[in-house]
Amino acid sequence: MRILVLLLVFSSSLWAQGPYDINKNQNYTKFTALKKAGNNKEAFNVGFKLLDAFYTNTDLYFELGISRAALSQEPIIGAQLIQTAYDMEPIYDRLAQSAIAYAFFAKDLPRAKQLLWEYSFYPHPPEDFNRSVTYLEGAVDYYKNMLTASQVQQAQRMLDVYKAEASQNMMVFWEKFNPIYSASPKDIIQKGPKHYLKVLEPVKQQMDAGNFPVSYYNVALETLAVLTFWNNWQQAHVLIPELKLQFSNPKTAPMMKFKLYDILSKINEVNRNYEENITLAVIMRNELPQFTYSNSTLMLALNNQLFSLVQLERYKEAYKLAEGAQNFMNKVTNPDVKMMGYYNLSRALTYGGDKEKGLQYAEAGVNYMKQNGYEEHPQFGKTLPSNLQSLKFYKDNSVAIETDINSTDIIELYDYGLQLGMKKKYADAVPFYEKAFKLQKPKVSETTGSQRTAQLDLFTKIGGNLIACLFESNQKEKIFTVMEDLKANGLLASQDEIPTLSLSEIQNGLKADEALVYYVDVMRGNVNEGVYMAAVITKNDINYRYINTIGALMRVYVDRNTEIGAIEKAMAQRELRQPKYTVYRNLDEAGFNQYKKGDFVLLAELYRNFLNPNEGGEVREEYTDTAYRDYIAKSFFIDMMSRIEPWFKGKKRIYIAADGVLHFLPFESFKNNEGRYLVEDYEIGYVPAGSTLVALRKRPKTSYEKNVLAFGDAKYQKRANPGRDLESAADIKRLELDVEESLQKNEPLDYAFATFSSEAMKYLKGAKDEVLAIKELVPKTDLRLDTQMTENEFKKMSREGALHHYRSIHLSSHAVTHPFVFDLSGIAFSVYNYPKDGEDGMLTVKEMAQLDIDTDFMFLSACQTGLGKLVPGDGVQGLNQAMLMAGANATLTTLWSVNDYGTSVYTKSLYYKIFQENKEYLTASTEVKREFIKGSYNKYVDLSSPQYWAPFIYTGK
C-alpha cells in the first residue's frame, strides 16, 4: 500500500537562469573560447559533452554544428546539428538561413526546398528580405563547386520560387499567424488557451491543407502550452488534444516532437492522465535513440513512465523498468533529470519490493542535491527529503507523516487515508477519504476522453478505500452514496439530464420481487485484486458484505495454473508485452494469498474458455471437460453469490451492477450447491447503476409505428489499405494516438482495422437467415440487406430521425472488440476495399454514442458485443453502454461467438415471446434460456450447454 506521494511537475528549464545556467557553465565558457580561437576540433569535443545537460539549447546545437562542419572528418554531422537547432526554433532568422545553406552543403536539395518554402513565410521588412536573398544566393555560389551543374540549376530555381512566393506567404504570416506569435505572455495568460486555440484555427486549416509550415504552427502551440502551464496550469488541459495531434503528426520534426512531448507530459501529470503518459513515454523511448544526442532526454521519458506506473500502483512493471535503468543514471548530467531519476527509481524499487535499494537511491538523491547546492531548488529542495522520509516510514513505520484535514491536495489526503488504513485506524481514515472523494468528484465530471479516464481512476481508488473503511468502522449508512457515485458517475456524467439518485429513490423504482446487486472492487490502490464489497438492495432493505474470491476459486486457479499461464502468454503476445502471472504449484504455496494484479482477470478468462471451447471456430480440447466447467461455475457461485443469496429470498429478478472483470462473466451460468444454474431460479439482468435503471424506467413511453428494423447480410471485402506493422508496444501506442486523431477529424479507420485483420471477414449466411426469419415472424418489420446494410445507411437513418420509428433494432454481423485499442471496438456493416463516402464500414463505440436512437430494445447479434474496455467508473464501456447512451432503453448483446444454429433458435424464440406473447424483454430472454437448459430445442443439436445460451446479456430497464 502506498504512503504519502507528492504530486510533482518537473521542468528541465525550471532553473534556466539559476545555478546551472549554461552561460555560467565553465565548460561552456571553455567551448566558446576555443571556438573563438579557431580550435574547432577541441571546441567540438568540449561542447558536445554539454548536449546531455542542455538538450534543448538551440544556440549550443548551432555553435556545435558550425564547429563540426568546419572539420574535415564527417562535417555532415555539423549540418545535422544545425538542422536540429532549426527544428527546435524555426522562426529564427539566423538559424533558418544557416539551415538552408547547410542543406546545400549536405547536397540535400529536397530538404533545402522544404526549408526555403518555410522561410518564405518569415516576416522580413523589404531591406532584410533583400539581405536574406543575397545571403542565400551567396551560399549557393559558395557551394556550387560541390554540386553538379544540374543541382546548381535546381538550387537556383528554388531561390527563384522563394523570391516569387515570399511576399504572398509573408502576408499569410502577418494576417493569420502574427496575432498569436506576437501575443505577450501577459495576454496569453489573461485571455487563456481556448481563446488562442480559436485564433490558431485558421492557421491550422491552412496547415492541414499544406499551405502553412507545420514547424511554425508547432512553435506557437508549444509556446502557448508552456506559458499557460507555468502561469495557469489549471487551464492547460484544454491544450491536450491539439498537443497530441501535433505529437502524432508525421511532419513534426523529431526534436520539436520531443519538446511537445515534454510539455504534454507535464500537463498530463497534473491532470493525472497517467495511462496516457505511459503511452507517450513508450513512444518517446522507442524513437529518441534515433535522433537524440542526450542520455538525459531518454532518462526524462523513463522518469515519466516510472512516475506514472507507480501512481497507478503497477509496481511490478515499475520495478522491472527501474532495474534496467539503474546503470543508465550514471550517464545523466542534467541536474533536474538526475534528481527526478533518484526520486522515481527510489519509489519504483521500494514499492516493487527492494526497500533497501530504494532507500539507497532516496539517500543518494538527497546527497546529490546537497553536494551540488540545490537545497533551494523550488521542486527538489523539498521533495527529495520528503521522499526519503516517506520511504523510511514505508520501510519501518517509524516516521509518521501527518496531513491537515483542511488540505485541498487530493493526493495528500488520499495517501494519508492509506497510511491510517495500514494502521487499521479506519474511523480516523474516513474523513480524509471523504474529503478527497468530494474534491475529486467534480474533476471527473469536468473532463472528457482520456483525461476523464485518468480522473476516474483516482476517483475509484479513493472510493474503494473509503467504502472499506466505512464498513470496517461500522458506518454502513454512508456506503451506498459512495457506491452509487462510483457506479453512476462514468455513464451518467455524459448525460446531464440523468441525476445520481439516492437510495430511497432507487428503492422506490424497484419492484417488490426485484433485487439490485452492486459489486465494488475495494482493492483499487493495492497490488492485489479479487476482493469486492457487495450490496444487495431491495425495495425495503439494503445489506452489505465482503466478497473475497480466494476460497473455492483459488483452488481453481491452482488446479489450472498451467492453462492460466497459457492464457496469459497468448494475451501478452497479442499485446506485444512480457507475460506475468503468479505461479502456484499447490494450495500450500497459495496459502491465504490474495490474487496479484492481473491474476483474477486470467481466472475469469479461464472460465470463459470453458464456457466457449469453440472460440475461433476450432474445438480446444483442453476446455471440453464439462464436469470441470461445472466445477468452476459452482466455485464462482460459492465465492461470489452464496453469501449474499439469502438476501434474495422471495425475489424473482436480480439486476447485477458489476465491476471490472466481472462484466465479462455471465452470472446466470453460475451453479448453486444443488447444481442449478442461477438463471433457473432468477431472471438475471445487468445495469451500469441503480440510477440508470430508474432513469430508463422513467423515460416516456413511445408509441412506435413499426416493430423491428433489422440489418443483416453484410458483404465483407478485403481492405485495400495494408495496415501498419506492429513489432513493439511503441507501435501499438502510436496506433492508439493515430486512431484518436482520426476520430477527432472524422476520418476513416480502415488502416487501423486492416492492421489487426489483413483478410476479409467471413460472410455470415446465418445473419441473413436470422433477419429474414424475424421478418417472417414479426409484422411491421423492415430489412436492410446487402448494399443497404451499410454504415452510411444506419447513420443516415439516425440523422433523419428514422430510428425513432422502431420498437426494436436488430443488428446481425461481426463485431470487433479491442482490449488495448478500445476506440476500434465496434460492429461491422458492409466493408468495401476502400471507404465509401468517408465511412470505413465499422460503427465504433464512439460513433454509436453519438447516434439519435429512441428504441425500446436493441439486439446486437454479433461476436463478443458485450466485451469492452475496463474503464474505472464505467465498468465495461462496451457496445451496449454506447447504445444506452444513444437512447436505447435496453440492449441484448453477446459475450462470445455463438454458432448460427444456436443464435437462430435463440433469436426466433426471443422475438416470438416478445411480439407474439407480449413478454417483457428480460422475462422472454430468461424463458428462452431455461428452455435451452431443459433441452426444448435439442432437435438437431444439444443446445443445453451454457455455451449456447449464457453469452446473451440483457442490459437496461
Foldseek 3Di string as FASTA:
>chain_A
DAFFDDQDFFDLCLQCVHPVPVVPDPLSVVLVVCVVVVVLVVSLVSLLLCCQQVVLDLVSLLSSLVSLLVDPPPNLVSLLSLVLSCLSPVLDVVSLLSNLLVCVVVVVVVVNLVSLLQCLQRQDDVVVVVVSLVSQVVSLVVCVVVPDPVSSVSSVVSSVVSVVCSVVNNVCCVPQPCVQVVDDLVRLQVVDDVVVVVSCVVVVVCVVVVNHDLSSSLVSLLVSLVSCCVRPLVRSVVSLLVLLVSLLPPSRDPVSNLSSLSSNLSSCSVLQLLVLLLLSLVLCLVCVVVRGSYLLSNLQSLLSNLVSCVVQVVLQVSQVSLVVCPVSLVRRDRLRSSLSNLLSSLSSNLSNPNLVVSLVSLVVSVVVCVVSVNCVPVGSVPNSVVSNLSSVCVVPVPDDDDDDLPDQPLSSLLSVLVVCVVVVVLVVSQSSLVSSLVSLLVSLLVDDDSSNLSSLLVNLQSLLQNLVSCVSVVVNVPNVVSQQCLLCVPLCSVPVVQDRDDLQLLLVLADQQEKEKEWRWSQRVHQFTQKTWIWIRHNPDIDIDIQHLCPLLVQVCQVPVVVLQVVQCVVCVVLFHDGDADHDNHVVRVPVDGGGPPSVLSSQVLLVCLLAQCFPNRGDVVNPPVVVNLSVLQSCCVRPPPVPCVVSPSHAAYEYQYAASCLLFQQQQRAHPVRHGNLVRHLYAYESHSSQQSVLVPDDDDDAPAAEEEEFAAAWAFAQQQADDDDHNSVLSSLLSVLVVCVVVLAEPLNHVCNVPRGIDDGDPLRVVQLVLVPVQGPRYHYQHYVRQAPVNVQVCQVVVVLARYQEYEYAAAWDADQSSQQQTFGFTHADRDADPRYRRGCGLVNLLQGAHAYAEYEYRYAQQSAAYNRRSRGRSGNQSSNVNNHYQKYKYFRGDADSVLVSQLSSQQSCCCRVVVDDNSVSLSVSLVCLLVQVPPPPHNSNRSSRRSGIHMYHD
